[in-house]
Protein backbone atom coordinates (compact mmCIF):
# COMPACT_ATOMS: atom_id res chain seq x y z
CA MET A 1 -0.02 0.06 0.26
CA SER A 2 2.94 2.61 -0.67
CA HIS A 3 2.58 6.50 -1.24
CA ARG A 4 1.22 4.41 -0.82
CA SER A 5 1.82 7.42 0.70
CA ARG A 6 -0.40 5.24 -0.32
CA VAL A 7 -4.13 4.96 1.53
CA PHE A 8 -6.44 2.17 0.89
CA ALA A 9 -9.93 3.51 1.60
CA ALA A 10 -13.13 2.18 0.11
CA LEU A 11 -14.52 3.83 -3.11
CA ALA A 12 -16.74 7.01 -2.97
CA LEU A 13 -20.50 6.28 -2.28
CA PRO A 14 -22.64 6.16 -5.40
CA LEU A 15 -25.05 8.35 -4.11
CA ALA A 16 -22.22 11.59 -3.89
CA LEU A 17 -21.45 11.21 -7.38
CA PRO A 18 -23.92 13.39 -8.82
CA LEU A 19 -22.17 16.39 -6.30
CA ALA A 20 -18.79 15.94 -7.92
CA LEU A 21 -20.14 15.86 -11.74
CA THR A 22 -21.98 18.93 -10.92
CA ALA A 23 -18.90 20.45 -9.49
CA CYS A 24 -17.02 19.21 -12.78
CA ALA A 25 -19.61 20.06 -14.95
CA SER A 26 -19.00 23.97 -14.27
CA THR A 27 -16.71 26.06 -16.19
CA PRO A 28 -13.48 26.35 -13.88
CA ASP A 29 -11.89 29.85 -13.26
CA ASP A 30 -8.29 30.21 -12.30
CA GLU A 31 -7.51 31.80 -8.91
CA LEU A 32 -5.06 34.43 -9.22
CA ASN A 33 -3.47 36.62 -6.62
CA ALA A 34 -3.16 40.37 -6.35
CA GLU A 35 0.06 40.33 -8.70
CA GLY A 36 -1.88 38.32 -11.29
CA LYS A 37 0.07 35.16 -10.73
CA VAL A 38 -1.80 31.85 -11.07
CA VAL A 39 -2.30 30.64 -7.54
CA LEU A 40 -1.49 26.69 -7.19
CA THR A 41 -2.40 24.63 -4.23
CA VAL A 42 -0.27 21.49 -4.20
CA ALA A 43 -0.74 18.36 -1.77
CA MET A 44 2.12 17.94 0.72
CA ASP A 45 1.76 14.81 2.89
CA ALA A 46 0.11 15.19 6.10
CA GLY A 47 2.16 14.28 8.96
CA LEU A 48 5.66 15.02 7.79
CA ASP A 49 8.25 16.15 10.57
CA GLY A 50 9.91 19.62 10.56
CA LYS A 51 12.83 18.66 8.02
CA ALA A 52 10.44 17.37 5.41
CA VAL A 53 8.33 20.18 5.64
CA GLU A 54 11.46 22.23 5.44
CA ALA A 55 12.67 20.28 2.47
CA PHE A 56 9.06 20.49 0.49
CA ASN A 57 8.91 24.40 1.08
CA ALA A 58 12.57 24.88 -0.24
CA ARG A 59 11.37 22.87 -3.15
CA VAL A 60 8.47 25.23 -3.65
CA ALA A 61 10.92 28.10 -3.53
CA GLN A 62 13.06 27.00 -6.15
CA PHE A 63 10.01 26.69 -8.28
CA GLU A 64 8.79 29.63 -7.93
CA GLN A 65 12.08 31.48 -8.66
CA ALA A 66 12.00 29.36 -12.25
CA HIS A 67 8.21 30.11 -12.84
CA SER A 68 7.44 33.79 -11.61
CA ASP A 69 3.95 33.49 -12.75
CA ILE A 70 2.96 30.95 -10.61
CA ASP A 71 2.29 31.50 -6.55
CA VAL A 72 2.47 27.75 -5.05
CA LYS A 73 0.34 27.08 -1.63
CA PRO A 74 1.52 23.89 -0.17
CA GLN A 75 -1.73 22.19 1.46
CA GLU A 76 -1.70 19.12 3.94
CA TYR A 77 -3.54 16.49 2.17
CA THR A 78 -3.71 12.88 2.27
CA TRP A 79 -5.71 11.10 -0.75
CA THR A 80 -8.79 8.75 0.47
CA ALA A 81 -11.26 7.70 -2.10
CA ALA A 82 -14.19 7.50 0.49
CA THR A 83 -13.72 11.39 1.16
CA PHE A 84 -12.46 12.73 -2.19
CA THR A 85 -15.98 13.09 -3.76
CA ALA A 86 -17.25 15.41 -1.07
CA GLN A 87 -14.23 17.32 -0.77
CA LEU A 88 -14.13 17.89 -4.53
CA ALA A 89 -17.76 19.13 -4.14
CA GLY A 90 -16.68 21.41 -1.57
CA GLY A 91 -13.92 22.70 -3.48
CA THR A 92 -11.36 21.66 -0.56
CA VAL A 93 -9.27 19.63 -2.93
CA PRO A 94 -5.72 20.72 -4.04
CA ASP A 95 -5.14 21.93 -7.56
CA VAL A 96 -2.21 18.96 -7.64
CA LEU A 97 -2.58 15.78 -5.67
CA THR A 98 -1.65 11.92 -5.79
CA VAL A 99 -3.88 9.03 -5.80
CA PRO A 100 -3.04 5.28 -6.04
CA PHE A 101 -3.06 3.45 -9.62
CA THR A 102 -5.93 1.59 -8.46
CA ASP A 103 -8.11 4.68 -8.47
CA GLY A 104 -6.89 6.32 -11.93
CA ARG A 105 -9.15 4.75 -14.36
CA GLY A 106 -12.53 5.27 -12.39
CA LEU A 107 -11.43 8.94 -11.66
CA ILE A 108 -11.01 9.27 -15.38
CA GLU A 109 -14.19 7.83 -16.45
CA ARG A 110 -16.03 9.91 -13.71
CA ARG A 111 -14.33 12.98 -14.93
CA GLN A 112 -13.12 13.62 -11.36
CA ILE A 113 -9.47 15.18 -12.53
CA ALA A 114 -8.99 17.07 -15.19
CA ASP A 115 -7.73 16.09 -18.39
CA ILE A 116 -4.22 17.24 -18.95
CA SER A 117 -3.13 14.95 -21.57
CA GLY A 118 -2.44 18.28 -23.95
CA GLN A 119 0.15 19.50 -21.40
CA VAL A 120 1.64 15.85 -20.96
CA ALA A 121 2.27 15.22 -24.50
CA THR A 122 4.44 18.33 -24.42
CA LEU A 123 6.85 17.08 -22.04
CA PRO A 124 9.97 15.66 -23.35
CA TYR A 125 9.66 12.34 -21.80
CA ALA A 126 6.18 11.79 -22.62
CA GLY A 127 6.79 9.10 -24.88
CA ALA A 128 9.63 7.57 -22.82
CA LEU A 129 7.09 6.28 -19.58
CA ASN A 130 7.18 2.83 -18.86
CA PRO A 131 3.98 1.28 -20.97
CA ALA A 132 2.80 -0.76 -18.40
CA ILE A 133 2.92 1.63 -15.58
CA ALA A 134 1.70 4.64 -17.75
CA LYS A 135 -1.52 2.62 -18.48
CA ALA A 136 -2.69 3.26 -14.77
CA GLY A 137 -3.26 7.23 -16.07
CA GLN A 138 -4.53 6.60 -19.25
CA ALA A 139 -8.04 7.06 -20.47
CA ALA A 140 -9.89 4.56 -22.68
CA ASP A 141 -8.55 6.13 -25.82
CA GLY A 142 -5.05 6.21 -24.43
CA LYS A 143 -4.63 9.85 -23.75
CA GLN A 144 -2.54 10.45 -20.67
CA TRP A 145 -4.71 12.28 -17.90
CA ALA A 146 -2.48 11.31 -15.10
CA VAL A 147 0.95 11.21 -14.67
CA PRO A 148 2.72 7.79 -12.84
CA ILE A 149 5.26 9.33 -10.43
CA ALA A 150 5.93 6.29 -8.76
CA ALA A 151 5.93 2.47 -8.90
CA TYR A 152 6.51 -0.28 -6.69
CA GLY A 153 6.46 -4.07 -6.15
CA GLN A 154 5.65 -5.69 -2.96
CA ALA A 155 8.54 -6.73 -0.60
CA LEU A 156 9.34 -8.09 2.72
CA HIS A 157 10.52 -5.74 5.19
CA TYR A 158 12.28 -6.62 8.09
CA ASN A 159 13.88 -5.45 11.35
CA ARG A 160 17.64 -6.33 11.36
CA THR A 161 17.99 -5.74 14.97
CA LEU A 162 15.21 -8.25 16.13
CA PHE A 163 16.85 -10.78 13.55
CA THR A 164 20.06 -10.38 15.26
CA GLN A 165 18.61 -10.78 18.67
CA ALA A 166 16.79 -13.90 17.35
CA GLY A 167 20.22 -15.37 16.44
CA LEU A 168 19.22 -14.90 12.42
CA ASP A 169 21.57 -13.40 9.99
CA PRO A 170 20.35 -10.01 8.98
CA ASP A 171 22.11 -10.27 5.64
CA LYS A 172 20.18 -13.35 5.01
CA PRO A 173 16.57 -12.73 5.35
CA PRO A 174 13.71 -15.47 4.14
CA THR A 175 13.46 -16.57 0.37
CA THR A 176 10.59 -18.95 0.95
CA TRP A 177 7.31 -18.71 2.86
CA ALA A 178 8.58 -21.75 5.23
CA GLU A 179 11.56 -19.76 6.01
CA VAL A 180 9.44 -16.88 7.02
CA ARG A 181 7.20 -18.86 9.28
CA THR A 182 10.45 -20.32 10.86
CA ALA A 183 12.07 -17.04 11.21
CA ALA A 184 8.58 -15.36 12.88
CA LYS A 185 8.67 -17.98 15.34
CA GLN A 186 12.30 -17.81 16.32
CA ILE A 187 11.77 -13.68 16.61
CA ALA A 188 8.74 -14.23 19.07
CA GLU A 189 10.00 -16.53 20.97
CA ARG A 190 13.46 -14.91 21.79
CA THR A 191 12.37 -11.24 21.43
CA GLY A 192 8.96 -11.27 22.75
CA GLN A 193 7.91 -9.40 19.80
CA ALA A 194 5.87 -10.29 16.86
CA GLY A 195 7.81 -12.19 14.50
CA TYR A 196 5.61 -11.46 11.38
CA ALA A 197 2.54 -8.97 11.02
CA GLN A 198 -0.35 -8.47 8.79
CA MET A 199 -2.44 -5.75 8.13
CA THR A 200 -6.28 -6.24 7.99
CA GLN A 201 -8.21 -3.19 7.79
CA GLY A 202 -8.81 0.13 5.63
CA ASN A 203 -8.63 -1.90 2.58
CA THR A 204 -5.40 -2.80 3.30
CA GLY A 205 -5.76 -6.38 4.64
CA GLY A 206 -7.43 -7.22 1.34
CA TRP A 207 -4.46 -5.55 -0.37
CA ILE A 208 -1.88 -7.70 1.46
CA LEU A 209 -3.96 -10.78 1.33
CA THR A 210 -4.06 -10.40 -2.65
CA THR A 211 -0.20 -9.77 -2.38
CA LEU A 212 0.29 -13.21 -0.76
CA ASP A 213 -2.02 -14.81 -3.23
CA TYR A 214 -0.05 -13.73 -6.47
CA ALA A 215 3.04 -14.85 -4.20
CA PHE A 216 1.50 -18.33 -3.93
CA GLY A 217 0.40 -18.46 -7.59
CA GLY A 218 -3.10 -17.55 -7.55
CA ARG A 219 -5.15 -14.62 -8.72
CA THR A 220 -8.20 -12.94 -7.45
CA GLU A 221 -10.07 -12.55 -10.64
CA LYS A 222 -10.07 -13.72 -14.02
CA LEU A 223 -10.89 -11.69 -16.76
CA THR A 224 -12.69 -12.44 -19.92
CA GLY A 225 -12.71 -9.19 -22.10
CA ASP A 226 -14.63 -6.75 -19.88
CA THR A 227 -16.17 -9.58 -17.59
CA ALA A 228 -14.51 -10.48 -14.46
CA GLU A 229 -14.96 -14.00 -12.29
CA ALA A 230 -14.01 -13.97 -8.82
CA THR A 231 -11.26 -16.41 -8.00
CA ILE A 232 -11.02 -16.29 -4.22
CA ASP A 233 -11.83 -19.80 -3.41
CA THR A 234 -8.84 -21.57 -4.92
CA PRO A 235 -6.22 -23.78 -3.30
CA GLU A 236 -3.56 -20.95 -3.48
CA MET A 237 -5.60 -19.00 -1.62
CA THR A 238 -6.42 -21.74 0.99
CA GLU A 239 -2.67 -22.47 1.11
CA VAL A 240 -2.10 -18.80 2.01
CA LEU A 241 -4.75 -18.90 4.71
CA SER A 242 -3.40 -21.88 6.06
CA THR A 243 -0.11 -20.39 6.55
CA LEU A 244 -1.27 -17.31 8.33
CA ARG A 245 -3.60 -19.46 10.44
CA ALA A 246 -0.37 -21.71 11.53
CA MET A 247 1.52 -18.61 12.29
CA ARG A 248 -1.07 -17.27 14.23
CA TRP A 249 -2.46 -20.06 16.02
CA ASP A 250 -0.02 -22.74 16.14
CA ASP A 251 3.46 -20.76 16.22
CA ASN A 252 1.81 -17.52 18.00
CA SER A 253 4.50 -15.41 16.32
CA MET A 254 2.20 -12.68 14.97
CA GLY A 255 1.70 -10.67 18.09
CA ALA A 256 -1.53 -9.21 19.30
CA ASN A 257 -2.45 -6.77 17.14
CA PHE A 258 -4.92 -7.80 14.15
CA LEU A 259 -6.38 -4.66 13.35
CA TYR A 260 -3.30 -2.86 11.61
CA ASP A 261 -3.76 -0.60 8.67
CA TRP A 262 -0.86 0.90 6.48
CA ALA A 263 -0.34 3.85 9.10
CA GLY A 264 -0.55 1.55 12.16
CA ILE A 265 2.13 -1.30 11.09
CA ASN A 266 4.64 1.37 9.93
CA GLN A 267 4.46 2.86 13.22
CA ASP A 268 4.93 -0.60 14.96
CA PHE A 269 7.56 -1.81 12.70
CA ALA A 270 9.57 1.68 13.10
CA ALA A 271 9.10 1.04 16.64
CA GLY A 272 11.04 -2.41 16.77
CA ARG A 273 7.48 -4.09 17.68
CA ILE A 274 7.49 -6.17 14.59
CA GLY A 275 9.93 -8.48 12.92
CA MET A 276 8.73 -8.63 9.19
CA TYR A 277 5.90 -7.21 7.23
CA VAL A 278 4.68 -7.02 3.64
CA SER A 279 4.34 -3.76 1.81
CA GLY A 280 5.72 -1.95 -1.08
CA GLY A 281 9.66 -1.68 -1.46
CA GLY A 282 9.89 2.01 -1.24
CA ASN A 283 8.72 2.47 1.90
CA TYR A 284 11.78 3.31 3.64
CA GLY A 285 11.21 7.17 3.21
CA ASN A 286 7.87 6.97 4.77
CA LEU A 287 9.22 4.97 7.75
CA VAL A 288 11.99 7.49 8.10
CA THR A 289 10.01 10.85 7.67
CA GLN A 290 6.82 9.87 9.31
CA ASN A 291 7.93 7.11 11.81
CA GLY A 292 11.16 7.79 13.24
CA LEU A 293 12.52 4.49 11.97
CA LYS A 294 16.40 3.86 12.93
CA PRO A 295 18.17 3.46 9.71
CA ALA A 296 20.52 0.46 11.32
CA ASP A 297 17.26 -1.48 12.08
CA TYR A 298 15.84 -1.75 8.67
CA GLY A 299 16.25 -4.58 6.12
CA VAL A 300 14.09 -5.23 2.90
CA ALA A 301 14.33 -8.03 0.88
CA ALA A 302 12.48 -9.61 -2.17
CA LEU A 303 9.02 -10.80 -1.68
CA PRO A 304 9.40 -14.94 -1.21
CA LEU A 305 7.43 -16.68 -4.33
CA ALA A 306 6.23 -20.03 -4.55
CA ALA A 307 7.72 -22.36 -7.07
CA LYS A 308 5.23 -21.74 -9.47
CA PRO A 309 5.42 -20.10 -12.84
CA GLU A 310 2.04 -18.23 -12.00
CA ALA A 311 3.64 -16.75 -8.85
CA GLY A 312 4.44 -13.03 -9.19
CA VAL A 313 4.50 -9.80 -7.32
CA LEU A 314 1.83 -7.34 -7.10
CA GLY A 315 2.66 -3.86 -8.39
CA GLY A 316 1.06 -0.71 -8.09
CA GLY A 317 1.94 3.03 -7.56
CA THR A 318 1.16 6.65 -7.46
CA LEU A 319 -0.61 8.98 -10.05
CA ALA A 320 -0.07 12.95 -9.94
CA VAL A 321 -3.40 14.16 -10.88
CA VAL A 322 -5.04 17.48 -11.23
CA SER A 323 -8.31 18.84 -9.85
CA PRO A 324 -11.02 19.52 -12.53
CA ASN A 325 -11.89 22.73 -11.12
CA ALA A 326 -8.57 23.96 -12.44
CA GLY A 327 -8.73 26.03 -15.73
CA GLU A 328 -6.28 26.26 -18.65
CA ARG A 329 -3.48 28.37 -16.90
CA GLY A 330 -4.30 26.43 -13.78
CA LYS A 331 -3.49 22.95 -15.57
CA ASP A 332 -0.68 24.47 -17.19
CA ALA A 333 0.71 25.32 -14.05
CA ALA A 334 -0.16 22.28 -12.51
CA VAL A 335 1.66 20.09 -15.21
CA LYS A 336 4.74 22.54 -14.50
CA TRP A 337 4.80 21.72 -11.04
CA ILE A 338 4.46 17.93 -11.67
CA ASP A 339 7.48 18.18 -14.36
CA PHE A 340 9.52 20.15 -11.70
CA TYR A 341 8.54 18.31 -8.45
CA TYR A 342 7.92 14.79 -9.30
CA MET A 343 9.19 14.09 -12.49
CA GLY A 344 12.26 16.33 -13.23
CA LYS A 345 14.37 14.57 -10.41
CA LEU A 346 13.96 11.43 -12.27
CA THR A 347 14.38 12.40 -16.00
CA ASP A 348 16.67 15.81 -15.70
CA GLN A 349 20.40 15.67 -14.16
CA ASP A 350 20.19 19.40 -12.90
CA ALA A 351 16.97 18.82 -11.48
CA ALA A 352 17.83 15.09 -10.16
CA VAL A 353 21.10 16.94 -8.43
CA ALA A 354 19.01 19.76 -7.06
CA ASP A 355 16.36 17.73 -5.66
CA ALA A 356 18.99 15.28 -4.25
CA LYS A 357 20.93 18.11 -2.67
CA THR A 358 17.90 19.84 -1.00
CA LEU A 359 16.85 16.62 0.54
CA ALA A 360 20.32 15.50 1.69
CA GLU A 361 20.83 19.06 3.37
CA THR A 362 17.44 18.80 5.27
CA LYS A 363 18.30 15.33 6.29
CA GLN A 364 15.74 13.29 3.94
CA PRO A 365 16.10 10.13 2.57
CA VAL A 366 17.93 10.11 -1.10
CA GLY A 367 18.52 6.94 -2.81
CA VAL A 368 15.55 4.95 -1.83
CA PRO A 369 15.01 2.06 -4.28
CA ALA A 370 11.93 2.51 -6.73
CA LEU A 371 10.89 0.79 -9.72
CA PRO A 372 11.38 3.23 -12.61
CA VAL A 373 8.19 4.77 -14.10
CA VAL A 374 10.48 5.24 -17.11
CA ASP A 375 13.26 3.14 -18.93
CA ARG A 376 15.72 1.34 -16.88
CA ALA A 377 18.55 3.34 -18.94
CA THR A 378 17.26 6.75 -17.34
CA TYR A 379 16.66 5.15 -13.99
CA ASP A 380 20.30 3.83 -13.89
CA LYS A 381 21.51 7.60 -15.02
CA GLN A 382 19.53 9.02 -12.34
CA GLN A 383 21.10 6.87 -9.68
CA GLU A 384 24.51 7.95 -11.04
CA TRP A 385 23.80 11.37 -11.03
CA VAL A 386 22.61 11.44 -7.28
CA LYS A 387 25.15 9.28 -5.92
CA GLN A 388 27.20 11.52 -3.80
CA TYR A 389 24.13 12.45 -1.98
CA VAL A 390 22.83 8.87 -1.20
CA ASN A 391 22.15 8.71 2.45
CA VAL A 392 20.06 5.46 2.91
CA PRO A 393 21.60 2.08 3.89
CA LEU A 394 21.81 0.55 0.29
CA ALA A 395 23.69 -2.39 1.43
CA GLN A 396 20.97 -3.12 3.81
CA MET A 397 18.51 -3.30 0.92
CA LYS A 398 20.52 -5.40 -1.32
CA PRO A 399 18.14 -8.45 -0.89
CA TYR A 400 15.67 -6.39 -2.61
CA THR A 401 17.69 -4.33 -5.02
CA ASP A 402 19.47 -7.34 -6.50
CA LYS A 403 16.21 -8.93 -7.38
CA MET A 404 13.55 -6.19 -7.67
CA PHE A 405 13.92 -5.81 -11.47
CA ASP A 406 13.95 -9.69 -12.36
CA GLN A 407 10.62 -10.65 -10.18
CA PRO A 408 7.56 -10.89 -12.63
CA LEU A 409 5.07 -8.06 -11.54
CA VAL A 410 1.37 -8.50 -11.55
CA THR A 411 -0.89 -5.63 -11.60
CA GLU A 412 -3.45 -5.17 -8.91
CA PRO A 413 -7.25 -6.38 -9.73
CA THR A 414 -8.72 -4.34 -11.90
CA LYS A 415 -12.60 -4.93 -11.33
CA SER A 416 -13.79 -2.66 -8.04
CA THR A 417 -10.57 -2.86 -6.44
CA GLN A 418 -10.96 -1.24 -3.13
CA GLU A 419 -14.12 -2.53 -2.78
CA VAL A 420 -12.77 -6.39 -3.28
CA TYR A 421 -9.98 -5.46 -0.85
CA LYS A 422 -12.69 -4.39 1.88
CA ILE A 423 -14.49 -7.69 1.27
CA LEU A 424 -10.87 -9.52 1.99
CA ASP A 425 -10.17 -7.62 5.17
CA THR A 426 -13.09 -9.39 6.88
CA THR A 427 -12.00 -12.57 5.57
CA VAL A 428 -8.29 -12.18 7.00
CA GLN A 429 -9.74 -10.33 10.14
CA LYS A 430 -11.95 -13.56 11.01
CA LEU A 431 -8.96 -15.84 10.28
CA LEU A 432 -6.54 -14.15 12.96
CA THR A 433 -9.06 -13.51 15.56
CA GLU A 434 -11.54 -16.35 15.53
CA ARG A 435 -9.90 -19.93 16.45
CA GLY A 436 -11.01 -22.69 14.32
CA THR A 437 -12.16 -20.58 11.41
CA ASP A 438 -13.50 -22.92 8.66
CA ILE A 439 -11.23 -21.55 5.59
CA ALA A 440 -13.18 -23.46 3.25
CA ALA A 441 -16.24 -21.63 4.46
CA LEU A 442 -14.53 -18.35 4.75
CA LEU A 443 -13.40 -18.62 1.17
CA LYS A 444 -16.79 -19.62 -0.31
CA ALA A 445 -18.27 -16.67 1.64
CA ALA A 446 -15.56 -14.00 0.05
CA ASP A 447 -15.82 -15.37 -3.48
CA THR A 448 -19.58 -14.93 -3.46
CA ASP A 449 -19.58 -11.42 -1.88
CA VAL A 450 -16.54 -10.55 -4.56
CA GLN A 451 -18.39 -12.07 -7.56
CA SER A 452 -21.55 -9.83 -6.46
CA THR A 453 -19.37 -6.66 -6.24
CA ILE A 454 -17.22 -7.25 -9.74
CA GLY A 455 -20.39 -8.30 -11.44
CA ARG A 456 -21.90 -4.73 -10.70
CA GLY A 457 -18.43 -3.04 -11.53
């Protein structure tokens, strides 16, 4: 679930949709300040520490110096699909914000974001976006309404200090789920902390359960054209739930908190209360800037995959989008900001160095590994450009970075994604909180609920 910071909330209620469409249908007017500059509100993650806010404001000042006709106003904002429609109708959404890949197509179809495809097409790297990743921000006709700014594959995050205390080698993290189970049990027995923890609420439970299903060779849906069939009740998902049940009830290695969401599990992991958990591979920056992680504690490894040809790593990412209330001058300014703040550091040497230097001077992470939204050659060049400013423990990330480009990536489910994740939240919660839960019955019920949901989507 990074972002993501990524937030995995339910899709907006259908009854609220007419409000959003009404708001979008009106003719947008760009807000100008007293000097005639376009006022552009841009989202800044909520909850950043002082240094991170300082770094953000420094980048704003650099942008305004380069674009004297734009007045940038940072606004603390965290996307949640459940509140977006009402916020849009109320005019409280910033002009530029970020959303998860899974919500891009729906926002485009409902015209809840602006069509910036004309502005994006003029960017020098528009034709060099990774095609598989760019799709998340494209309309049905292929026009790029949203810009992919970050991509990820899921990974196994682990606490090197707890590994050492448990007698495990932190340089040799688990590469199979059998090894994950063994390590989790050993951590729990020798340190008293949760050896392995699982997200279960706020749609993150379904997100991670789907991740494990992919890793065991399963899928949660089967697509035939535009028709989707639920594939929850399968041998692969049965194996996933059987593994989690054994770790929870037989090994007692999953601690005592079974209501984690993305923010909560990050907090406990950074505090040293969790040995391992699954999340996006580039989550280090969030753990440091928002949760106070000690870099020496951190390790990340490639997600263990079953020895099956269908096994894969769930991938996702973040899109930069523009409010539909922006006028033409506002859209022009917004894409300039997206290019400067999000994309320039990936595609232009001067911008990459300036960004890395600013982050390093304010003690923010530089060099966190991420899957490229452009081609691999551009990514490699960017890493060379910022090499002198890298301040993250790259050696502790090698179990992930050595394999991150070679693992087979599988996109998230496409039909009613967040609603399906919400259904699966309940599945994993019941498994972890009700001893003796019948896995077969649990999966049969989930399959029925998911099929009903995606049949409407």
